[in-house]
Amino acid sequence: MEHVFWWLFLFATSTQFVYLIFVFGRFAFFYKKKPDSKENFIGVSVVIAAKNEYKHLENLITMIMAQQYPVFELVLVNDCSQDASEDLLIQLSKKFKNLKVINVRYTPDHVTGKKYALSHGIKASKHEIVLLTDADCVPVSKNWIKLMSAPLRNQNKIFALGHGSYKILPGLLNKVIQFETLLTALYYFSFGQWRFPFMGIGRNLCYRKDFFINKKGFKDLWHIQGGDDDLFVNRHANAENTAIVVHPESITLSEPKTNFKDYFTQKKRHFHVGKYYKSVDKLKLGIYSFSNLIFWFSSAVIIILSGSLEPIALVLGLVLSKGFLQYMIIREARKKLEGAGKVFWTMFFDLMYLIYFWIIGTRGYLSKSVKWK
């Protein structure tokens, strides 16, 4: 019986090292941005849907208005907010002439709120390039619009995929969030570099307005709660029309969840959306996640069943080797994405992520409905 677990362990280990070295490692160690030969400063519309985000709006709008880009507007869609958002937006629209406010009073029964709000904002925007983020996010630099829109302006791309980080706070939950965010970024930036883009994040995503209109926006996605970002990219992004934006000044910073209940609710929504990905993309992600499960399970069984030190030493050696390689990859990826490379306990958080991925992920995948807010 033990030899079965050895075969499983060796298969899983080989699969993990292939992903780590050739998929993730290629991005972490070897990615280099090619400089643009020219700069074409055409107009950009930043579009944000906000629902009961009064406490974030003034800081968000002020920071976006400080962007160092010659021609842009901010389209803020107030999505049926019940707080003081509308009064605040009236005041701010008098202060900032390039702030356009749209108030959504109701949402039709057959559509989901955020997609409906974003569609209104995108259709009302006046520029060809649309840059999206969330109301609880802020750009980390004044060059955010310039960097995120560059592939569309200078290379005629349709999509530009950016990174969205979270504020660093004390506590275990925040460390879990930081690890999971970096791992997710590693997924879609690595496959994007291999010219197989499969997702983007609404916290930092850029695409062309006319493409959105021509594809009839969120057609066939209206009933899904979420997916205004990753599913739209998953449906339409390809090797020729999509670029990744890798620069510490191109990222956005978001407010993280501060309790596990809210965090698991958020991740349940994300996993629920994942079941609508293309089959080939679910396979790419599934192979890595499933082999990681087999890797840890079979290694534990072999250590328990082995009666001598030699096989235990071999298993532990491969486990530690995988852990060290994963640490180096995540550290180097964070340097490229965020300008800092400090990471801790990647092996510990890899195990934590594995457990919650299969528990929360299964619940989200099987759930029939989830909520935005």
Protein backbone atom coordinates (compact mmCIF):
# COMPACT_ATOMS: atom_id res chain seq x y z
CA MET A 1 0.00 0.00 0.00
CA GLU A 2 2.85 2.36 0.81
CA HIS A 3 4.21 2.20 -2.74
CA VAL A 4 0.93 3.71 -4.02
CA PHE A 5 1.53 6.79 -1.90
CA TRP A 6 5.11 6.94 -3.16
CA TRP A 7 3.86 7.06 -6.74
CA LEU A 8 1.33 9.73 -5.82
CA PHE A 9 4.01 11.71 -3.99
CA LEU A 10 6.48 11.56 -6.87
CA PHE A 11 3.81 12.52 -9.42
CA ALA A 12 2.61 15.44 -7.30
CA THR A 13 6.15 16.59 -6.56
CA SER A 14 7.07 16.55 -10.27
CA THR A 15 3.94 18.51 -11.16
CA GLN A 16 4.59 21.09 -8.44
CA PHE A 17 8.18 21.64 -9.55
CA VAL A 18 7.14 22.01 -13.19
CA TYR A 19 4.68 24.75 -12.25
CA LEU A 20 7.08 26.44 -9.83
CA ILE A 21 10.06 26.47 -12.19
CA PHE A 22 8.60 26.86 -15.66
CA VAL A 23 5.36 28.79 -15.02
CA PHE A 24 5.80 30.86 -11.87
CA GLY A 25 9.59 30.93 -11.87
CA ARG A 26 9.77 32.32 -15.39
CA PHE A 27 7.81 35.38 -14.27
CA ALA A 28 9.47 35.75 -10.86
CA PHE A 29 13.06 35.48 -12.07
CA PHE A 30 13.12 36.42 -15.74
CA TYR A 31 10.33 38.87 -16.57
CA LYS A 32 11.57 42.17 -18.02
CA LYS A 33 9.36 44.88 -19.45
CA LYS A 34 10.17 46.06 -22.95
CA PRO A 35 10.25 49.86 -23.10
CA ASP A 36 7.62 51.57 -25.25
CA SER A 37 9.05 53.20 -28.36
CA LYS A 38 6.56 56.07 -28.11
CA GLU A 39 4.03 57.68 -25.79
CA ASN A 40 0.55 58.43 -27.10
CA PHE A 41 -1.29 60.43 -24.44
CA ILE A 42 -4.92 59.94 -25.37
CA GLY A 43 -7.81 60.37 -22.92
CA VAL A 44 -8.54 57.86 -20.16
CA SER A 45 -11.78 57.40 -18.20
CA VAL A 46 -11.44 56.00 -14.69
CA VAL A 47 -14.72 54.24 -13.84
CA ILE A 48 -15.67 53.24 -10.30
CA ALA A 49 -18.89 51.73 -8.91
CA ALA A 50 -19.47 52.64 -5.27
CA LYS A 51 -22.15 51.33 -2.93
CA ASN A 52 -22.29 52.84 0.57
CA GLU A 53 -18.65 53.91 0.38
CA TYR A 54 -18.99 57.37 1.97
CA LYS A 55 -15.97 56.85 4.24
CA HIS A 56 -13.68 56.12 1.28
CA LEU A 57 -14.92 58.48 -1.41
CA GLU A 58 -13.24 61.77 -0.53
CA ASN A 59 -9.78 60.25 -0.15
CA LEU A 60 -10.22 58.11 -3.27
CA ILE A 61 -11.38 60.98 -5.48
CA THR A 62 -8.70 63.34 -4.17
CA MET A 63 -5.93 60.83 -4.90
CA ILE A 64 -7.19 60.07 -8.39
CA MET A 65 -7.49 63.77 -9.20
CA ALA A 66 -3.80 64.13 -8.27
CA GLN A 67 -2.76 61.76 -11.08
CA GLN A 68 -0.03 63.06 -13.38
CA TYR A 69 -1.73 62.40 -16.68
CA PRO A 70 -2.75 65.11 -19.15
CA VAL A 71 -6.29 64.04 -20.16
CA PHE A 72 -8.56 61.97 -17.92
CA GLU A 73 -11.93 61.94 -16.20
CA LEU A 74 -13.32 60.10 -13.22
CA VAL A 75 -16.77 58.55 -13.64
CA LEU A 76 -18.15 57.69 -10.20
CA VAL A 77 -21.31 55.56 -10.22
CA ASN A 78 -23.21 55.85 -6.95
CA ASP A 79 -24.93 52.47 -6.82
CA CYS A 80 -28.13 52.82 -4.76
CA SER A 81 -26.18 53.99 -1.71
CA GLN A 82 -28.10 54.48 1.53
CA ASP A 83 -25.42 56.54 3.27
CA ALA A 84 -24.32 60.16 2.68
CA SER A 85 -22.44 59.37 -0.53
CA GLU A 86 -24.70 61.39 -2.83
CA ASP A 87 -24.39 64.64 -0.84
CA LEU A 88 -20.62 64.26 -0.67
CA LEU A 89 -20.38 63.61 -4.41
CA ILE A 90 -22.40 66.74 -5.15
CA GLN A 91 -19.85 68.78 -3.20
CA LEU A 92 -16.84 67.09 -4.81
CA SER A 93 -18.23 67.46 -8.35
CA LYS A 94 -18.23 71.24 -7.80
CA LYS A 95 -14.59 71.09 -6.76
CA PHE A 96 -13.33 68.77 -9.52
CA LYS A 97 -14.51 69.60 -13.03
CA ASN A 98 -13.41 66.25 -14.47
CA LEU A 99 -15.51 64.29 -11.96
CA LYS A 100 -18.69 62.89 -13.47
CA VAL A 101 -21.24 61.48 -11.00
CA ILE A 102 -23.95 59.02 -12.00
CA ASN A 103 -26.61 58.06 -9.47
CA VAL A 104 -28.21 54.65 -9.94
CA ARG A 105 -31.57 54.62 -8.15
CA TYR A 106 -32.60 51.00 -8.74
CA THR A 107 -31.31 47.74 -10.17
CA PRO A 108 -33.48 45.57 -12.45
CA ASP A 109 -34.32 42.16 -11.05
CA HIS A 110 -32.61 40.19 -13.80
CA VAL A 111 -29.15 41.79 -13.38
CA THR A 112 -26.55 42.09 -10.62
CA GLY A 113 -25.88 45.45 -9.02
CA LYS A 114 -22.20 46.05 -9.67
CA LYS A 115 -22.32 45.04 -13.35
CA TYR A 116 -25.34 47.29 -13.88
CA ALA A 117 -23.54 50.22 -12.23
CA LEU A 118 -20.31 49.64 -14.14
CA SER A 119 -22.18 49.37 -17.44
CA HIS A 120 -23.76 52.76 -16.80
CA GLY A 121 -20.39 54.26 -15.99
CA ILE A 122 -18.58 52.79 -18.99
CA LYS A 123 -21.30 53.85 -21.42
CA ALA A 124 -21.29 57.37 -19.96
CA SER A 125 -17.50 57.72 -20.18
CA LYS A 126 -16.18 60.01 -22.90
CA HIS A 127 -12.76 58.47 -23.53
CA GLU A 128 -11.82 55.38 -25.47
CA ILE A 129 -9.73 53.83 -22.69
CA VAL A 130 -11.48 52.71 -19.50
CA LEU A 131 -9.52 52.10 -16.29
CA LEU A 132 -11.33 50.33 -13.45
CA THR A 133 -10.76 50.09 -9.73
CA ASP A 134 -12.91 49.66 -6.61
CA ALA A 135 -14.17 52.34 -4.24
CA ASP A 136 -12.10 51.03 -1.32
CA CYS A 137 -8.89 51.13 -3.38
CA VAL A 138 -6.37 53.89 -3.99
CA PRO A 139 -3.51 54.10 -6.50
CA VAL A 140 -0.12 54.02 -4.80
CA SER A 141 1.44 56.61 -7.10
CA LYS A 142 0.57 59.56 -9.32
CA ASN A 143 1.65 57.52 -12.36
CA TRP A 144 -1.07 54.89 -12.04
CA ILE A 145 -3.16 56.05 -15.01
CA LYS A 146 -0.08 56.49 -17.19
CA LEU A 147 1.32 53.04 -16.43
CA MET A 148 -1.92 51.07 -16.55
CA SER A 149 -3.09 52.62 -19.82
CA ALA A 150 0.30 52.36 -21.57
CA PRO A 151 -0.30 48.98 -23.30
CA LEU A 152 -3.56 50.29 -24.82
CA ARG A 153 -2.15 53.69 -25.78
CA ASN A 154 1.22 52.59 -27.10
CA GLN A 155 0.77 48.95 -28.18
CA ASN A 156 -2.89 49.00 -29.28
CA LYS A 157 -3.84 46.27 -26.78
CA ILE A 158 -7.42 45.63 -25.67
CA PHE A 159 -6.71 44.59 -22.06
CA ALA A 160 -4.08 45.60 -19.50
CA LEU A 161 -3.97 43.47 -16.34
CA GLY A 162 -2.70 45.13 -13.16
CA HIS A 163 -1.93 44.11 -9.61
CA GLY A 164 -4.04 45.06 -6.59
CA SER A 165 -2.43 44.72 -3.19
CA TYR A 166 -3.86 45.08 0.32
CA LYS A 167 -2.80 47.28 3.22
CA ILE A 168 -0.51 45.56 5.69
CA LEU A 169 -2.12 45.23 9.13
CA PRO A 170 -1.14 43.22 12.22
CA GLY A 171 -2.56 39.77 12.74
CA LEU A 172 -2.73 36.31 11.18
CA LEU A 173 -5.64 37.09 8.87
CA ASN A 174 -3.77 39.90 7.13
CA LYS A 175 -0.78 37.63 6.53
CA VAL A 176 -3.13 35.06 4.97
CA ILE A 177 -4.60 37.79 2.75
CA GLN A 178 -1.15 39.00 1.69
CA PHE A 179 -0.07 35.46 0.78
CA GLU A 180 -3.27 34.62 -1.11
CA THR A 181 -3.14 37.93 -3.02
CA LEU A 182 0.45 37.36 -4.10
CA LEU A 183 -0.31 33.77 -5.10
CA THR A 184 -3.30 34.86 -7.19
CA ALA A 185 -1.21 37.56 -8.86
CA LEU A 186 1.48 34.98 -9.55
CA TYR A 187 -1.12 32.82 -11.31
CA TYR A 188 -2.45 35.39 -13.76
CA PHE A 189 0.79 37.30 -14.35
CA SER A 190 2.71 34.07 -15.02
CA PHE A 191 0.15 32.74 -17.48
CA GLY A 192 -0.14 36.22 -18.96
CA GLN A 193 3.61 36.21 -19.62
CA TRP A 194 3.21 32.82 -21.29
CA ARG A 195 0.55 34.47 -23.51
CA PHE A 196 -2.30 32.56 -21.89
CA PRO A 197 -4.20 35.31 -20.02
CA PHE A 198 -7.20 33.96 -18.13
CA MET A 199 -8.26 36.57 -15.55
CA GLY A 200 -7.92 40.10 -14.26
CA ILE A 201 -9.02 41.87 -11.08
CA GLY A 202 -11.52 44.71 -10.87
CA ARG A 203 -9.24 46.54 -8.44
CA ASN A 204 -6.87 47.30 -11.31
CA LEU A 205 -8.02 46.57 -14.85
CA CYS A 206 -7.93 48.53 -18.11
CA TYR A 207 -9.70 47.90 -21.42
CA ARG A 208 -11.21 49.65 -24.43
CA LYS A 209 -14.70 51.09 -24.28
CA ASP A 210 -15.60 50.24 -27.88
CA PHE A 211 -14.57 46.61 -27.29
CA PHE A 212 -16.85 46.47 -24.25
CA ILE A 213 -19.74 47.93 -26.27
CA ASN A 214 -19.16 45.68 -29.29
CA LYS A 215 -19.14 42.58 -27.09
CA LYS A 216 -22.42 43.79 -25.53
CA GLY A 217 -20.74 44.33 -22.19
CA PHE A 218 -21.61 41.68 -19.65
CA LYS A 219 -23.87 39.69 -21.95
CA ASP A 220 -24.47 36.17 -20.55
CA LEU A 221 -22.86 37.27 -17.25
CA TRP A 222 -25.67 39.39 -15.81
CA HIS A 223 -27.01 36.64 -13.55
CA ILE A 224 -23.63 35.92 -11.94
CA GLN A 225 -22.83 37.86 -8.77
CA GLY A 226 -19.27 38.96 -9.49
CA GLY A 227 -17.21 38.26 -12.56
CA ASP A 228 -17.39 41.80 -13.92
CA ASP A 229 -13.59 41.61 -13.98
CA ASP A 230 -12.22 38.08 -14.23
CA LEU A 231 -15.04 36.54 -16.26
CA PHE A 232 -15.05 39.39 -18.77
CA VAL A 233 -11.30 38.94 -19.21
CA ASN A 234 -11.65 35.15 -19.28
CA ARG A 235 -14.18 35.36 -22.11
CA HIS A 236 -12.29 37.79 -24.34
CA ALA A 237 -8.57 38.06 -23.50
CA ASN A 238 -6.02 36.28 -25.67
CA ALA A 239 -2.32 36.23 -26.45
CA GLU A 240 -2.52 39.09 -28.96
CA ASN A 241 -4.86 41.57 -27.28
CA THR A 242 -3.68 41.44 -23.66
CA ALA A 243 -0.68 42.77 -21.74
CA ILE A 244 0.40 42.57 -18.11
CA VAL A 245 1.52 45.71 -16.28
CA VAL A 246 4.36 45.03 -13.86
CA HIS A 247 5.58 48.08 -11.98
CA PRO A 248 5.42 49.01 -8.25
CA GLU A 249 3.87 52.38 -9.18
CA SER A 250 1.08 50.78 -11.22
CA ILE A 251 -0.63 48.97 -8.35
CA THR A 252 -3.64 49.84 -6.23
CA LEU A 253 -3.94 49.38 -2.48
CA SER A 254 -7.17 48.10 -0.92
CA GLU A 255 -8.71 47.86 2.51
CA PRO A 256 -8.40 44.21 3.66
CA LYS A 257 -11.03 42.30 5.56
CA THR A 258 -10.43 42.38 9.30
CA ASN A 259 -12.29 39.25 10.40
CA PHE A 260 -12.35 35.73 9.04
CA LYS A 261 -16.12 35.67 8.52
CA ASP A 262 -16.07 38.60 6.07
CA TYR A 263 -12.94 37.24 4.39
CA PHE A 264 -14.46 33.79 3.83
CA THR A 265 -17.65 35.39 2.47
CA GLN A 266 -15.54 37.36 -0.02
CA LYS A 267 -13.56 34.30 -1.07
CA LYS A 268 -16.72 32.24 -1.41
CA ARG A 269 -17.91 34.79 -3.98
CA HIS A 270 -14.59 34.58 -5.83
CA PHE A 271 -14.65 30.78 -5.94
CA HIS A 272 -18.29 30.85 -7.06
CA VAL A 273 -17.26 32.92 -10.08
CA GLY A 274 -14.38 30.55 -10.85
CA LYS A 275 -16.72 27.76 -11.95
CA TYR A 276 -17.67 29.87 -14.98
CA TYR A 277 -14.10 30.02 -16.31
CA LYS A 278 -13.24 28.28 -19.56
CA SER A 279 -12.56 24.58 -19.06
CA VAL A 280 -8.93 24.86 -20.12
CA ASP A 281 -8.33 27.59 -17.52
CA LYS A 282 -10.01 25.61 -14.77
CA LEU A 283 -7.75 22.71 -15.75
CA LYS A 284 -4.58 24.84 -15.55
CA LEU A 285 -5.48 26.01 -12.06
CA GLY A 286 -6.93 22.68 -10.98
CA ILE A 287 -3.83 20.66 -11.84
CA TYR A 288 -1.64 22.84 -9.63
CA SER A 289 -4.11 22.93 -6.73
CA PHE A 290 -4.91 19.21 -6.88
CA SER A 291 -1.25 18.19 -7.15
CA ASN A 292 -0.49 20.41 -4.14
CA LEU A 293 -3.18 18.59 -2.16
CA ILE A 294 -1.74 15.21 -3.19
CA PHE A 295 1.78 16.43 -2.40
CA TRP A 296 1.01 17.30 1.21
CA PHE A 297 -1.33 14.37 1.85
CA SER A 298 0.97 11.67 0.40
CA SER A 299 4.06 13.10 2.11
CA ALA A 300 2.29 12.98 5.49
CA VAL A 301 1.12 9.39 4.91
CA ILE A 302 4.60 8.22 3.85
CA ILE A 303 6.19 9.78 6.94
CA ILE A 304 3.60 8.08 9.19
CA LEU A 305 3.88 4.65 7.52
CA SER A 306 7.64 4.54 6.98
CA GLY A 307 9.60 2.39 9.37
CA SER A 308 13.05 3.79 8.61
CA LEU A 309 14.75 7.17 8.46
CA GLU A 310 15.86 7.05 4.80
CA PRO A 311 12.43 7.50 3.15
CA ILE A 312 11.43 10.07 5.77
CA ALA A 313 14.61 12.04 5.05
CA LEU A 314 13.92 11.89 1.30
CA VAL A 315 10.36 13.14 1.70
CA LEU A 316 11.35 15.90 4.09
CA GLY A 317 14.15 16.93 1.74
CA LEU A 318 11.74 17.30 -1.17
CA VAL A 319 9.20 19.11 1.00
CA LEU A 320 11.83 21.58 2.19
CA SER A 321 13.18 22.01 -1.36
CA LYS A 322 9.71 22.82 -2.65
CA GLY A 323 9.15 25.20 0.24
CA PHE A 324 12.43 27.03 -0.38
CA LEU A 325 11.76 27.34 -4.11
CA GLN A 326 8.24 28.64 -3.45
CA TYR A 327 9.64 31.17 -0.97
CA MET A 328 12.17 32.47 -3.50
CA ILE A 329 9.54 32.74 -6.24
CA ILE A 330 7.03 34.62 -4.10
CA ARG A 331 9.75 36.93 -2.79
CA GLU A 332 11.01 37.78 -6.27
CA ALA A 333 7.48 38.17 -7.62
CA ARG A 334 6.64 40.61 -4.83
CA LYS A 335 9.76 42.63 -5.64
CA LYS A 336 8.60 43.01 -9.23
CA LEU A 337 4.97 43.76 -8.39
CA GLU A 338 5.22 45.83 -5.22
CA GLY A 339 8.86 46.89 -4.95
CA ALA A 340 9.39 44.88 -1.75
CA GLY A 341 10.44 41.30 -1.32
CA LYS A 342 9.87 40.59 2.35
CA VAL A 343 7.75 37.46 2.83
CA PHE A 344 7.43 35.07 5.76
CA TRP A 345 6.40 31.48 6.44
CA THR A 346 5.38 30.67 2.87
CA MET A 347 5.25 26.94 3.59
CA PHE A 348 2.94 27.50 6.58
CA PHE A 349 0.61 29.75 4.59
CA ASP A 350 0.72 27.36 1.64
CA LEU A 351 -0.77 24.71 3.94
CA MET A 352 -3.36 27.14 5.33
CA TYR A 353 -4.33 28.23 1.84
CA LEU A 354 -4.60 24.62 0.72
CA ILE A 355 -7.05 23.80 3.53
CA TYR A 356 -9.30 26.80 3.04
CA PHE A 357 -9.09 26.51 -0.77
CA TRP A 358 -10.69 23.07 -0.72
CA ILE A 359 -13.22 23.87 2.01
CA ILE A 360 -14.32 27.40 1.07
CA GLY A 361 -13.63 26.80 -2.61
CA THR A 362 -15.92 23.78 -2.71
CA ARG A 363 -18.68 25.67 -0.92
CA GLY A 364 -18.33 28.62 -3.29
CA TYR A 365 -18.23 26.39 -6.35
CA LEU A 366 -21.40 24.57 -5.32
CA SER A 367 -23.32 27.63 -4.08
CA LYS A 368 -26.18 28.90 -6.23
CA SER A 369 -25.97 32.55 -5.23
CA VAL A 370 -23.68 35.01 -3.44
CA LYS A 371 -23.86 38.72 -2.63
CA TRP A 372 -21.74 41.72 -3.67
CA LYS A 373 -22.91 43.95 -0.78
